[in-house]
Amino acid sequence: MKNKSISSWVGYAGMLLGVILIGYLFSQFDLFGVWMRIRSIGYASFFILLPFLGLHLIESFAWLQLFPGSTGKIPFFQLFKIQVIAETVSMTLPAGMPVGESLRPFLCRRTLDIPVPAGVASVAVRKLMLGANQGLYTLIGAIAGFSFLQSASQSMLGVEGLGYIMSGSGLAVFVIFLLFILLLLNGEAAQKVHALLMLIPFRKVKEWLLEKESGFHETDEELKAFKSIRFGKLVNIMLYYLTAWFMLAIESYIILKLLGVEITFFQVLAIDTTLSMLRAIFFFIPSGLGVQEIGYLAFFNVLGIGDAVVVGEAFVLLRRFKEILWYSAGYLVMFLSGVHLKDAHSGGSET
């Protein structure tokens, strides 16, 4: 309960910080100029919604490949619905990532009749693959936009070497998560976690862990199934997740081109990978509220974009409005499906 309370306070503090940052930015906005710039896009603004849809479709397809054959045929659109619900919760609640992730195996059991250990195993491997691919995505973006990052480094950081920093960060994250994947698949990861948790000096916690010990063993058995997946298939799954990451840069590029900004895709990719890493650092702020906006505006100023302030403000509003639409749809799907936030906690207790 104490850890849960700390997590909640951190989450609410993150949300408060995000609201303060975004409030400050909005107070500086030239709303009339921004509205006129957005209005000029017209019906073409529909295309802004597509990369986010593509991201979730690709992620759902990649996740589908991670379930062992013993689970039987899994309906794609049912899994897609779980993906949308879990991601909506993860990205909108204060410190919502643990809640959203614990919803996945619970909803897999409830709606698809997939055993909890199989669901937990697939979610664990999925999460590590996403982490490894974020590192690879960052590395690719840093290499593609290396000269741009180097030239922007002095203005952004006050020192040289942003290109090297991002390249090194991407490589380090990729290698670390790849090692985690290998350790997870050694067949005893869950049991080792159970043994570590048993060191907690609280009687009720130990009693609960002893009751659930068989579940940890079952999860290890499910993880062993991933060893039988062909290397080529694992590479394909990694490529699917990498493609999903690229949807973020594609979305930014579409918005900027619709706003009439002269910018290359490699520059957008370098900016997006840098800010995605920054967003990961400020994970406790829902959707990186305020952090990403400040980052984009800083990069636009470095690029010397004409009317950079209005363009940056229009870009920020379009991205956030897109998120409002998608996450509103996510909550609608969630409540129409009879899913409640308390289900995440009850689901986690059954694992």
Protein backbone atom coordinates (compact mmCIF):
# COMPACT_ATOMS: atom_id res chain seq x y z
CA MET A 1 0.00 0.00 0.00
CA LYS A 2 2.88 2.33 0.83
CA ASN A 3 4.47 1.80 -2.61
CA LYS A 4 1.11 2.34 -4.26
CA SER A 5 0.67 5.61 -2.32
CA ILE A 6 4.15 6.81 -3.35
CA SER A 7 3.43 5.90 -6.98
CA SER A 8 0.15 7.83 -6.84
CA TRP A 9 1.82 10.92 -5.37
CA VAL A 10 4.57 10.80 -8.01
CA GLY A 11 1.93 10.45 -10.70
CA TYR A 12 -0.14 13.39 -9.47
CA ALA A 13 3.00 15.50 -9.04
CA GLY A 14 3.90 14.66 -12.63
CA MET A 15 0.44 15.63 -13.84
CA LEU A 16 0.60 18.91 -11.90
CA LEU A 17 4.01 19.71 -13.41
CA GLY A 18 2.70 18.90 -16.89
CA VAL A 19 -0.36 21.13 -16.39
CA ILE A 20 1.85 24.00 -15.17
CA LEU A 21 4.16 23.65 -18.18
CA ILE A 22 1.34 23.44 -20.72
CA GLY A 23 -0.51 26.30 -18.97
CA TYR A 24 2.56 28.48 -19.24
CA LEU A 25 2.92 27.68 -22.93
CA PHE A 26 -0.74 28.42 -23.64
CA SER A 27 -0.45 31.76 -21.85
CA GLN A 28 2.21 32.73 -24.42
CA PHE A 29 0.19 31.58 -27.45
CA ASP A 30 -1.01 33.89 -30.20
CA LEU A 31 -4.30 32.00 -30.40
CA PHE A 32 -5.70 33.99 -33.34
CA GLY A 33 -2.58 33.47 -35.45
CA VAL A 34 -2.50 29.78 -34.51
CA TRP A 35 -6.18 29.32 -35.36
CA MET A 36 -5.71 30.92 -38.79
CA ARG A 37 -2.72 28.66 -39.50
CA ILE A 38 -4.64 25.52 -38.45
CA ARG A 39 -7.74 26.62 -40.38
CA SER A 40 -5.68 26.84 -43.57
CA ILE A 41 -5.15 23.04 -43.48
CA GLY A 42 -8.83 22.30 -43.97
CA TYR A 43 -10.01 18.73 -44.54
CA ALA A 44 -6.43 17.52 -45.06
CA SER A 45 -6.14 17.54 -41.25
CA PHE A 46 -7.84 14.10 -41.38
CA PHE A 47 -4.48 12.60 -42.41
CA ILE A 48 -3.01 13.61 -39.04
CA LEU A 49 -5.11 10.88 -37.39
CA LEU A 50 -3.81 8.03 -39.55
CA PRO A 51 -0.25 7.42 -38.20
CA PHE A 52 -1.58 6.93 -34.65
CA LEU A 53 -4.06 4.36 -35.98
CA GLY A 54 -1.24 2.69 -37.89
CA LEU A 55 0.91 2.60 -34.75
CA HIS A 56 -1.74 0.69 -32.78
CA LEU A 57 -2.57 -1.67 -35.64
CA ILE A 58 1.11 -2.56 -36.10
CA GLU A 59 1.71 -2.93 -32.35
CA SER A 60 -1.36 -5.17 -32.03
CA PHE A 61 -0.15 -7.36 -34.91
CA ALA A 62 3.33 -7.61 -33.36
CA TRP A 63 1.85 -8.47 -29.95
CA LEU A 64 -0.31 -11.16 -31.58
CA GLN A 65 2.88 -12.89 -32.80
CA LEU A 66 4.18 -13.12 -29.21
CA PHE A 67 1.50 -15.48 -27.91
CA PRO A 68 2.49 -19.17 -27.84
CA GLY A 69 0.64 -21.55 -30.14
CA SER A 70 -0.97 -23.22 -27.11
CA THR A 71 -3.29 -20.20 -26.70
CA GLY A 72 -5.10 -21.07 -29.94
CA LYS A 73 -6.33 -18.62 -32.59
CA ILE A 74 -6.62 -15.08 -31.22
CA PRO A 75 -9.03 -12.63 -32.95
CA PHE A 76 -6.93 -9.67 -34.11
CA PHE A 77 -9.52 -6.95 -33.53
CA GLN A 78 -10.25 -8.17 -30.00
CA LEU A 79 -6.55 -7.85 -29.23
CA PHE A 80 -6.52 -4.47 -30.98
CA LYS A 81 -9.30 -3.32 -28.65
CA ILE A 82 -7.25 -4.39 -25.61
CA GLN A 83 -4.24 -2.53 -27.05
CA VAL A 84 -6.25 0.68 -27.43
CA ILE A 85 -7.76 0.45 -23.92
CA ALA A 86 -4.46 -0.31 -22.20
CA GLU A 87 -2.55 2.38 -24.09
CA THR A 88 -5.24 4.96 -23.32
CA VAL A 89 -5.00 4.21 -19.60
CA SER A 90 -1.18 4.17 -19.68
CA MET A 91 -0.90 7.54 -21.41
CA THR A 92 -3.63 9.52 -19.64
CA LEU A 93 -3.52 8.59 -15.95
CA PRO A 94 -0.91 9.92 -13.51
CA ALA A 95 1.85 7.25 -13.54
CA GLY A 96 -0.63 5.18 -15.53
CA MET A 97 1.87 2.81 -17.16
CA PRO A 98 1.67 0.08 -14.45
CA VAL A 99 -2.15 0.26 -14.47
CA GLY A 100 -2.40 0.06 -18.25
CA GLU A 101 0.11 -2.79 -18.51
CA SER A 102 -1.62 -4.84 -15.79
CA LEU A 103 -4.88 -4.45 -17.70
CA ARG A 104 -3.46 -6.35 -20.67
CA PRO A 105 -3.20 -9.89 -19.18
CA PHE A 106 -6.42 -9.34 -17.22
CA LEU A 107 -8.38 -8.40 -20.35
CA CYS A 108 -6.73 -11.20 -22.33
CA ARG A 109 -8.09 -13.67 -19.78
CA ARG A 110 -11.49 -12.00 -19.51
CA THR A 111 -12.24 -11.42 -23.21
CA LEU A 112 -10.05 -13.99 -25.00
CA ASP A 113 -9.87 -16.74 -22.36
CA ILE A 114 -6.06 -16.64 -22.45
CA PRO A 115 -4.52 -17.95 -19.20
CA VAL A 116 -3.04 -15.19 -17.06
CA PRO A 117 0.53 -16.64 -17.12
CA ALA A 118 0.49 -16.66 -20.94
CA GLY A 119 -0.81 -13.09 -20.97
CA VAL A 120 1.78 -11.92 -18.45
CA ALA A 121 4.58 -13.60 -20.44
CA SER A 122 3.50 -11.96 -23.71
CA VAL A 123 3.18 -8.52 -22.05
CA ALA A 124 6.62 -8.84 -20.42
CA VAL A 125 8.35 -9.75 -23.70
CA ARG A 126 6.33 -7.09 -25.56
CA LYS A 127 7.41 -4.39 -23.13
CA LEU A 128 11.08 -5.31 -23.40
CA MET A 129 10.88 -5.43 -27.20
CA LEU A 130 9.35 -1.94 -27.21
CA GLY A 131 12.22 -0.73 -25.01
CA ALA A 132 14.85 -2.31 -27.27
CA ASN A 133 13.22 -0.79 -30.32
CA GLN A 134 13.05 2.64 -28.72
CA GLY A 135 16.82 2.41 -28.37
CA LEU A 136 17.19 1.28 -31.99
CA TYR A 137 14.79 4.00 -33.17
CA THR A 138 16.78 6.62 -31.27
CA LEU A 139 20.05 5.34 -32.72
CA ILE A 140 18.68 5.43 -36.29
CA GLY A 141 17.26 8.93 -35.77
CA ALA A 142 20.52 10.18 -34.28
CA ILE A 143 22.56 8.79 -37.18
CA ALA A 144 20.11 10.06 -39.82
CA GLY A 145 20.05 13.55 -38.34
CA PHE A 146 23.55 13.56 -36.84
CA SER A 147 24.78 16.77 -38.50
CA PHE A 148 21.55 18.57 -37.56
CA LEU A 149 21.78 17.46 -33.91
CA GLN A 150 25.42 18.51 -33.77
CA SER A 151 24.61 21.95 -35.17
CA ALA A 152 21.69 22.34 -32.73
CA SER A 153 23.66 21.14 -29.71
CA GLN A 154 25.14 24.47 -28.63
CA SER A 155 21.77 26.23 -28.76
CA MET A 156 19.90 23.38 -27.06
CA LEU A 157 22.39 22.29 -24.39
CA GLY A 158 25.05 24.97 -24.28
CA VAL A 159 27.67 22.35 -25.16
CA GLU A 160 28.67 20.39 -28.28
CA GLY A 161 27.90 16.75 -28.92
CA LEU A 162 24.09 16.22 -28.96
CA GLY A 163 24.48 13.85 -31.91
CA TYR A 164 26.97 11.73 -29.97
CA ILE A 165 24.81 11.84 -26.83
CA MET A 166 21.72 10.60 -28.66
CA SER A 167 23.64 7.94 -30.60
CA GLY A 168 25.22 6.65 -27.39
CA SER A 169 21.91 6.75 -25.50
CA GLY A 170 20.10 4.84 -28.25
CA LEU A 171 22.80 2.17 -28.45
CA ALA A 172 22.92 1.79 -24.65
CA VAL A 173 19.12 1.44 -24.33
CA PHE A 174 19.02 -1.09 -27.19
CA VAL A 175 21.78 -3.27 -25.68
CA ILE A 176 20.35 -3.12 -22.13
CA PHE A 177 16.84 -4.14 -23.19
CA LEU A 178 18.21 -6.85 -25.48
CA LEU A 179 20.06 -8.30 -22.48
CA PHE A 180 16.85 -8.11 -20.42
CA ILE A 181 15.02 -10.07 -23.14
CA LEU A 182 17.68 -12.80 -23.08
CA LEU A 183 17.55 -12.95 -19.27
CA LEU A 184 13.75 -13.10 -19.29
CA LEU A 185 13.76 -16.04 -21.67
CA ASN A 186 16.18 -18.13 -19.61
CA GLY A 187 13.20 -19.95 -18.06
CA GLU A 188 13.64 -18.87 -14.43
CA ALA A 189 13.06 -15.10 -14.50
CA ALA A 190 9.67 -15.12 -12.74
CA GLN A 191 10.89 -17.53 -10.05
CA LYS A 192 13.87 -15.26 -9.34
CA VAL A 193 11.51 -12.29 -9.03
CA HIS A 194 9.40 -14.37 -6.63
CA ALA A 195 12.48 -15.21 -4.54
CA LEU A 196 13.45 -11.52 -4.35
CA LEU A 197 9.93 -10.51 -3.34
CA MET A 198 9.98 -13.13 -0.57
CA LEU A 199 12.72 -11.06 1.08
CA ILE A 200 10.12 -8.36 1.86
CA PRO A 201 9.68 -8.49 5.68
CA PHE A 202 5.87 -8.37 5.80
CA ARG A 203 3.91 -11.46 6.78
CA LYS A 204 0.83 -10.72 4.65
CA VAL A 205 2.96 -10.07 1.59
CA LYS A 206 4.79 -13.38 2.09
CA GLU A 207 1.50 -15.23 2.56
CA TRP A 208 0.16 -13.75 -0.68
CA LEU A 209 3.41 -14.63 -2.52
CA LEU A 210 3.24 -18.22 -1.27
CA GLU A 211 -0.35 -18.48 -2.49
CA LYS A 212 0.68 -17.20 -5.93
CA GLU A 213 3.95 -19.14 -6.21
CA SER A 214 2.49 -21.58 -8.73
CA GLY A 215 1.53 -18.63 -10.94
CA PHE A 216 5.18 -17.52 -11.09
CA HIS A 217 6.21 -21.05 -12.11
CA GLU A 218 3.51 -21.11 -14.79
CA THR A 219 4.71 -17.77 -16.14
CA ASP A 220 8.23 -19.20 -16.44
CA GLU A 221 6.83 -22.15 -18.36
CA GLU A 222 5.07 -19.77 -20.74
CA LEU A 223 8.27 -17.76 -21.19
CA LYS A 224 10.10 -20.95 -22.18
CA ALA A 225 7.76 -21.17 -25.17
CA PHE A 226 9.43 -18.07 -26.62
CA LYS A 227 12.69 -20.00 -26.92
CA SER A 228 11.06 -22.15 -29.59
CA ILE A 229 10.21 -19.13 -31.76
CA ARG A 230 12.45 -19.05 -34.81
CA PHE A 231 15.11 -16.36 -34.85
CA GLY A 232 13.73 -15.03 -38.13
CA LYS A 233 10.28 -14.58 -36.58
CA LEU A 234 11.73 -12.70 -33.60
CA VAL A 235 13.57 -10.38 -36.00
CA ASN A 236 10.30 -9.78 -37.88
CA ILE A 237 8.50 -8.95 -34.63
CA MET A 238 11.28 -6.51 -33.74
CA LEU A 239 10.88 -4.89 -37.17
CA TYR A 240 7.12 -4.55 -36.63
CA TYR A 241 7.73 -2.69 -33.37
CA LEU A 242 10.40 -0.53 -35.00
CA THR A 243 7.92 0.38 -37.75
CA ALA A 244 5.39 1.33 -35.06
CA TRP A 245 7.95 3.72 -33.54
CA PHE A 246 8.45 5.33 -36.96
CA MET A 247 4.75 6.23 -37.03
CA LEU A 248 5.53 8.96 -34.47
CA ALA A 249 8.01 10.69 -36.79
CA ILE A 250 5.68 10.23 -39.77
CA GLU A 251 2.88 11.91 -37.83
CA SER A 252 5.09 14.90 -36.97
CA TYR A 253 6.27 15.17 -40.57
CA ILE A 254 2.69 15.17 -41.91
CA ILE A 255 1.63 17.92 -39.48
CA LEU A 256 4.61 20.11 -40.31
CA LYS A 257 4.19 19.70 -44.06
CA LEU A 258 0.47 20.55 -43.76
CA LEU A 259 1.49 23.68 -41.85
CA GLY A 260 3.73 24.62 -44.76
CA VAL A 261 7.07 24.08 -42.98
CA GLU A 262 10.13 23.36 -45.11
CA ILE A 263 11.82 20.54 -43.20
CA THR A 264 13.33 17.19 -44.16
CA PHE A 265 12.10 13.87 -42.80
CA PHE A 266 15.57 13.16 -41.37
CA GLN A 267 15.39 16.40 -39.35
CA VAL A 268 11.94 15.46 -38.06
CA LEU A 269 13.20 11.97 -37.23
CA ALA A 270 16.15 13.38 -35.27
CA ILE A 271 13.86 15.74 -33.32
CA ASP A 272 11.26 13.07 -32.61
CA THR A 273 13.75 10.45 -31.42
CA THR A 274 15.41 12.98 -29.12
CA LEU A 275 12.10 14.05 -27.60
CA SER A 276 10.84 10.45 -27.34
CA MET A 277 13.87 9.72 -25.16
CA LEU A 278 13.16 12.88 -23.14
CA ARG A 279 9.56 11.77 -22.73
CA ALA A 280 10.77 8.40 -21.42
CA ILE A 281 12.87 10.20 -18.79
CA PHE A 282 9.79 12.17 -17.66
CA PHE A 283 7.62 9.01 -17.68
CA PHE A 284 5.68 10.20 -14.61
CA ILE A 285 4.14 13.09 -16.60
CA PRO A 286 1.09 11.78 -18.56
CA SER A 287 1.85 11.87 -22.31
CA GLY A 288 4.94 14.00 -21.62
CA LEU A 289 2.58 16.96 -21.13
CA GLY A 290 4.47 20.22 -21.59
CA VAL A 291 7.91 18.57 -21.87
CA GLN A 292 7.59 17.64 -25.54
CA GLU A 293 6.00 20.98 -26.42
CA ILE A 294 8.94 22.94 -24.99
CA GLY A 295 11.33 20.63 -26.81
CA TYR A 296 9.63 21.06 -30.18
CA LEU A 297 9.48 24.85 -29.85
CA ALA A 298 13.18 24.93 -28.98
CA PHE A 299 14.09 22.84 -32.03
CA PHE A 300 11.90 24.96 -34.33
CA ASN A 301 13.72 28.08 -33.16
CA VAL A 302 17.09 26.41 -33.84
CA LEU A 303 15.91 25.48 -37.34
CA GLY A 304 15.10 29.11 -38.02
CA ILE A 305 11.60 28.28 -39.24
CA GLY A 306 9.77 31.37 -40.46
CA ASP A 307 7.09 32.41 -37.97
CA ALA A 308 8.46 29.67 -35.71
CA VAL A 309 6.35 30.62 -32.69
CA VAL A 310 2.99 30.39 -34.49
CA VAL A 311 4.03 27.24 -36.38
CA GLY A 312 5.24 25.63 -33.17
CA GLU A 313 2.06 26.52 -31.32
CA ALA A 314 -0.12 25.20 -34.16
CA PHE A 315 1.94 22.00 -34.25
CA VAL A 316 1.56 21.51 -30.49
CA LEU A 317 -2.21 22.09 -30.56
CA LEU A 318 -2.76 19.72 -33.50
CA ARG A 319 -0.78 16.93 -31.84
CA ARG A 320 -2.57 17.34 -28.53
CA PHE A 321 -6.01 17.62 -30.17
CA LYS A 322 -5.26 14.40 -32.05
CA GLU A 323 -4.46 12.71 -28.72
CA ILE A 324 -7.67 14.03 -27.16
CA LEU A 325 -9.68 12.50 -30.01
CA TRP A 326 -7.92 9.13 -29.87
CA TYR A 327 -7.88 8.82 -26.08
CA SER A 328 -11.54 9.87 -25.90
CA ALA A 329 -12.28 7.07 -28.36
CA GLY A 330 -10.17 4.75 -26.18
CA TYR A 331 -12.21 5.55 -23.07
CA LEU A 332 -15.43 5.12 -25.05
CA VAL A 333 -14.30 1.65 -26.17
CA MET A 334 -13.26 0.91 -22.59
CA PHE A 335 -16.59 1.78 -21.00
CA LEU A 336 -18.66 0.19 -23.78
CA SER A 337 -16.66 -2.98 -23.09
CA GLY A 338 -17.55 -2.82 -19.40
CA VAL A 339 -13.95 -2.27 -18.34
CA HIS A 340 -13.19 -0.19 -15.23
CA LEU A 341 -9.89 1.09 -13.84
CA LYS A 342 -10.31 -1.04 -10.72
CA ASP A 343 -10.13 -4.08 -13.02
CA ALA A 344 -6.41 -3.43 -13.46
CA HIS A 345 -5.79 -3.88 -9.75
CA SER A 346 -8.03 -6.94 -9.44
CA GLY A 347 -6.37 -8.38 -12.54
CA GLY A 348 -2.94 -7.82 -11.10
CA SER A 349 -3.88 -9.63 -7.90
CA GLU A 350 -4.88 -12.69 -9.90
CA THR A 351 -1.56 -12.97 -11.67
